[in-house]
């Protein structure tokens, strides 16, 4: 299954829930880092677990960070942590959550810190 990815800047994009099976496609698209913003089990037991996605990402040489945020409840500390991750980790970055909206909101909040 092909991913629907939204590019926000040349160095940052978002997607809905990914699986370990999507990792090779993500790597082939040139992404160097994946950030998971969806808490494990938020969508029930059928939701892919962060550890499985991280393992697959690391196996192909991608960087991975896990910063779970609850939809509609993003905190300032999470915004600051996301900003630090975006500063430190190799780019381009693909962040994911259930639909991509939460990751996009988190990214836009990080941009307001410097603007």
C-alpha atoms as a PDB file:
ATOM      1  CA  UNK A   1       0.000   0.000   0.000  1.00  0.00           C
ATOM      2  CA  UNK A   2       1.379   3.361  -0.964  1.00  0.00           C
ATOM      3  CA  UNK A   3       1.578   6.072   1.671  1.00  0.00           C
ATOM      4  CA  UNK A   4      -0.125   9.426   1.489  1.00  0.00           C
ATOM      5  CA  UNK A   5       2.566  11.904   2.537  1.00  0.00           C
ATOM      6  CA  UNK A   6       2.133  15.657   2.982  1.00  0.00           C
ATOM      7  CA  UNK A   7       5.267  17.760   2.552  1.00  0.00           C
ATOM      8  CA  UNK A   8       5.254  20.829   4.804  1.00  0.00           C
ATOM      9  CA  UNK A   9       8.830  21.914   4.011  1.00  0.00           C
ATOM     10  CA  UNK A  10      11.620  20.227   2.047  1.00  0.00           C
ATOM     11  CA  UNK A  11      12.856  18.811   5.380  1.00  0.00           C
ATOM     12  CA  UNK A  12       9.571  17.842   7.070  1.00  0.00           C
ATOM     13  CA  UNK A  13       6.586  15.761   5.993  1.00  0.00           C
ATOM     14  CA  UNK A  14       3.732  13.973   7.719  1.00  0.00           C
ATOM     15  CA  UNK A  15       1.762  10.803   7.143  1.00  0.00           C
ATOM     16  CA  UNK A  16      -1.002   8.837   8.756  1.00  0.00           C
ATOM     17  CA  UNK A  17      -0.262   5.588  10.571  1.00  0.00           C
ATOM     18  CA  UNK A  18       2.629   3.694   9.017  1.00  0.00           C
ATOM     19  CA  UNK A  19       3.614   0.062   9.427  1.00  0.00           C
ATOM     20  CA  UNK A  20       6.931  -1.750   9.360  1.00  0.00           C
ATOM     21  CA  UNK A  21       6.032  -2.788   5.796  1.00  0.00           C
ATOM     22  CA  UNK A  22       6.148   0.910   4.747  1.00  0.00           C
ATOM     23  CA  UNK A  23       9.724   1.436   5.911  1.00  0.00           C
ATOM     24  CA  UNK A  24      11.487   0.494   2.674  1.00  0.00           C
ATOM     25  CA  UNK A  25       9.208   2.865   0.722  1.00  0.00           C
ATOM     26  CA  UNK A  26       9.959   5.651   3.216  1.00  0.00           C
ATOM     27  CA  UNK A  27      13.696   5.031   2.901  1.00  0.00           C
ATOM     28  CA  UNK A  28      13.460   4.918  -0.904  1.00  0.00           C
ATOM     29  CA  UNK A  29      11.728   8.312  -0.856  1.00  0.00           C
ATOM     30  CA  UNK A  30      14.841   9.730   0.805  1.00  0.00           C
ATOM     31  CA  UNK A  31      13.673  10.237   4.372  1.00  0.00           C
ATOM     32  CA  UNK A  32      16.418   9.867   6.968  1.00  0.00           C
ATOM     33  CA  UNK A  33      14.363  10.091  10.172  1.00  0.00           C
ATOM     34  CA  UNK A  34      10.927   8.918  11.304  1.00  0.00           C
ATOM     35  CA  UNK A  35       9.183  10.440  14.316  1.00  0.00           C
ATOM     36  CA  UNK A  36       6.244   8.543  15.794  1.00  0.00           C
ATOM     37  CA  UNK A  37       3.670  10.827  17.427  1.00  0.00           C
ATOM     38  CA  UNK A  38       0.903   8.272  17.953  1.00  0.00           C
ATOM     39  CA  UNK A  39       0.724   6.615  21.380  1.00  0.00           C
ATOM     40  CA  UNK A  40       0.856   2.825  21.280  1.00  0.00           C
ATOM     41  CA  UNK A  41      -2.567   1.136  21.501  1.00  0.00           C
ATOM     42  CA  UNK A  42      -4.438   4.399  20.872  1.00  0.00           C
ATOM     43  CA  UNK A  43      -6.231   2.608  18.034  1.00  0.00           C
ATOM     44  CA  UNK A  44      -6.535  -0.724  19.800  1.00  0.00           C
ATOM     45  CA  UNK A  45      -4.537  -3.907  19.481  1.00  0.00           C
ATOM     46  CA  UNK A  46      -4.600  -3.827  15.653  1.00  0.00           C
ATOM     47  CA  UNK A  47      -2.492  -0.630  15.611  1.00  0.00           C
ATOM     48  CA  UNK A  48       1.149  -1.249  14.653  1.00  0.00           C
ATOM     49  CA  UNK A  49       3.414  -0.901  17.689  1.00  0.00           C
ATOM     50  CA  UNK A  50       6.099   1.753  17.779  1.00  0.00           C
ATOM     51  CA  UNK A  51       8.799  -0.788  18.700  1.00  0.00           C
ATOM     52  CA  UNK A  52       8.125  -2.825  15.540  1.00  0.00           C
ATOM     53  CA  UNK A  53       8.252   0.274  13.333  1.00  0.00           C
ATOM     54  CA  UNK A  54      11.420   1.469  15.066  1.00  0.00           C
ATOM     55  CA  UNK A  55      13.105  -1.920  14.618  1.00  0.00           C
ATOM     56  CA  UNK A  56      12.304  -1.937  10.887  1.00  0.00           C
ATOM     57  CA  UNK A  57      13.500   1.668  10.499  1.00  0.00           C
ATOM     58  CA  UNK A  58      16.801   1.046  12.256  1.00  0.00           C
ATOM     59  CA  UNK A  59      17.351  -2.113  10.183  1.00  0.00           C
ATOM     60  CA  UNK A  60      17.495  -0.029   6.990  1.00  0.00           C
ATOM     61  CA  UNK A  61      19.606   2.735   8.510  1.00  0.00           C
ATOM     62  CA  UNK A  62      16.900   5.271   9.321  1.00  0.00           C
ATOM     63  CA  UNK A  63      16.824   7.219  12.574  1.00  0.00           C
ATOM     64  CA  UNK A  64      13.724   6.916  14.737  1.00  0.00           C
ATOM     65  CA  UNK A  65      12.270   8.935  17.606  1.00  0.00           C
ATOM     66  CA  UNK A  66       9.110   8.299  19.586  1.00  0.00           C
ATOM     67  CA  UNK A  67       7.257  11.339  20.916  1.00  0.00           C
ATOM     68  CA  UNK A  68       3.678  10.247  21.595  1.00  0.00           C
ATOM     69  CA  UNK A  69       1.119  13.029  21.900  1.00  0.00           C
ATOM     70  CA  UNK A  70      -2.585  12.824  22.598  1.00  0.00           C
ATOM     71  CA  UNK A  71      -4.764  14.435  19.952  1.00  0.00           C
ATOM     72  CA  UNK A  72      -5.965  17.857  21.067  1.00  0.00           C
ATOM     73  CA  UNK A  73      -3.710  17.794  24.144  1.00  0.00           C
ATOM     74  CA  UNK A  74      -0.291  18.864  22.855  1.00  0.00           C
ATOM     75  CA  UNK A  75       1.780  20.363  25.676  1.00  0.00           C
ATOM     76  CA  UNK A  76       4.472  23.034  25.555  1.00  0.00           C
ATOM     77  CA  UNK A  77       7.022  20.439  26.716  1.00  0.00           C
ATOM     78  CA  UNK A  78       6.106  18.232  23.752  1.00  0.00           C
ATOM     79  CA  UNK A  79       6.500  21.183  21.377  1.00  0.00           C
ATOM     80  CA  UNK A  80       9.933  21.918  22.848  1.00  0.00           C
ATOM     81  CA  UNK A  81      10.939  18.253  22.605  1.00  0.00           C
ATOM     82  CA  UNK A  82       9.766  18.071  18.988  1.00  0.00           C
ATOM     83  CA  UNK A  83      11.735  21.234  18.194  1.00  0.00           C
ATOM     84  CA  UNK A  84      14.850  19.671  19.732  1.00  0.00           C
ATOM     85  CA  UNK A  85      14.367  16.459  17.739  1.00  0.00           C
ATOM     86  CA  UNK A  86      13.955  18.418  14.517  1.00  0.00           C
ATOM     87  CA  UNK A  87      17.139  20.324  15.284  1.00  0.00           C
ATOM     88  CA  UNK A  88      19.193  17.210  16.142  1.00  0.00           C
ATOM     89  CA  UNK A  89      18.018  14.448  13.824  1.00  0.00           C
ATOM     90  CA  UNK A  90      19.030  13.963  10.175  1.00  0.00           C
ATOM     91  CA  UNK A  91      16.682  15.412   7.593  1.00  0.00           C
ATOM     92  CA  UNK A  92      14.381  15.019   5.837  1.00  0.00           C
ATOM     93  CA  UNK A  93      12.015  13.874   8.586  1.00  0.00           C
ATOM     94  CA  UNK A  94       8.710  12.010   8.249  1.00  0.00           C
ATOM     95  CA  UNK A  95       6.440  12.242  11.299  1.00  0.00           C
ATOM     96  CA  UNK A  96       3.323  10.119  11.654  1.00  0.00           C
ATOM     97  CA  UNK A  97       0.241   9.759  13.832  1.00  0.00           C
ATOM     98  CA  UNK A  98      -3.231   8.371  13.090  1.00  0.00           C
ATOM     99  CA  UNK A  99      -4.033  10.780  10.252  1.00  0.00           C
ATOM    100  CA  UNK A 100      -0.983  13.050  10.061  1.00  0.00           C
ATOM    101  CA  UNK A 101      -2.871  16.056  11.466  1.00  0.00           C
ATOM    102  CA  UNK A 102      -1.468  15.805  14.992  1.00  0.00           C
ATOM    103  CA  UNK A 103       2.098  15.581  13.676  1.00  0.00           C
ATOM    104  CA  UNK A 104       1.421  18.571  11.414  1.00  0.00           C
ATOM    105  CA  UNK A 105      -0.014  20.589  14.308  1.00  0.00           C
ATOM    106  CA  UNK A 106       2.993  19.737  16.455  1.00  0.00           C
ATOM    107  CA  UNK A 107       5.347  20.811  13.667  1.00  0.00           C
ATOM    108  CA  UNK A 108       3.539  24.111  13.122  1.00  0.00           C
ATOM    109  CA  UNK A 109       3.734  24.824  16.857  1.00  0.00           C
ATOM    110  CA  UNK A 110       7.513  24.273  16.741  1.00  0.00           C
ATOM    111  CA  UNK A 111       7.726  26.809  13.936  1.00  0.00           C
ATOM    112  CA  UNK A 112       5.968  29.393  16.095  1.00  0.00           C
ATOM    113  CA  UNK A 113       8.735  29.061  18.700  1.00  0.00           C
ATOM    114  CA  UNK A 114      11.270  30.558  16.330  1.00  0.00           C
ATOM    115  CA  UNK A 115       8.915  32.962  14.601  1.00  0.00           C
END
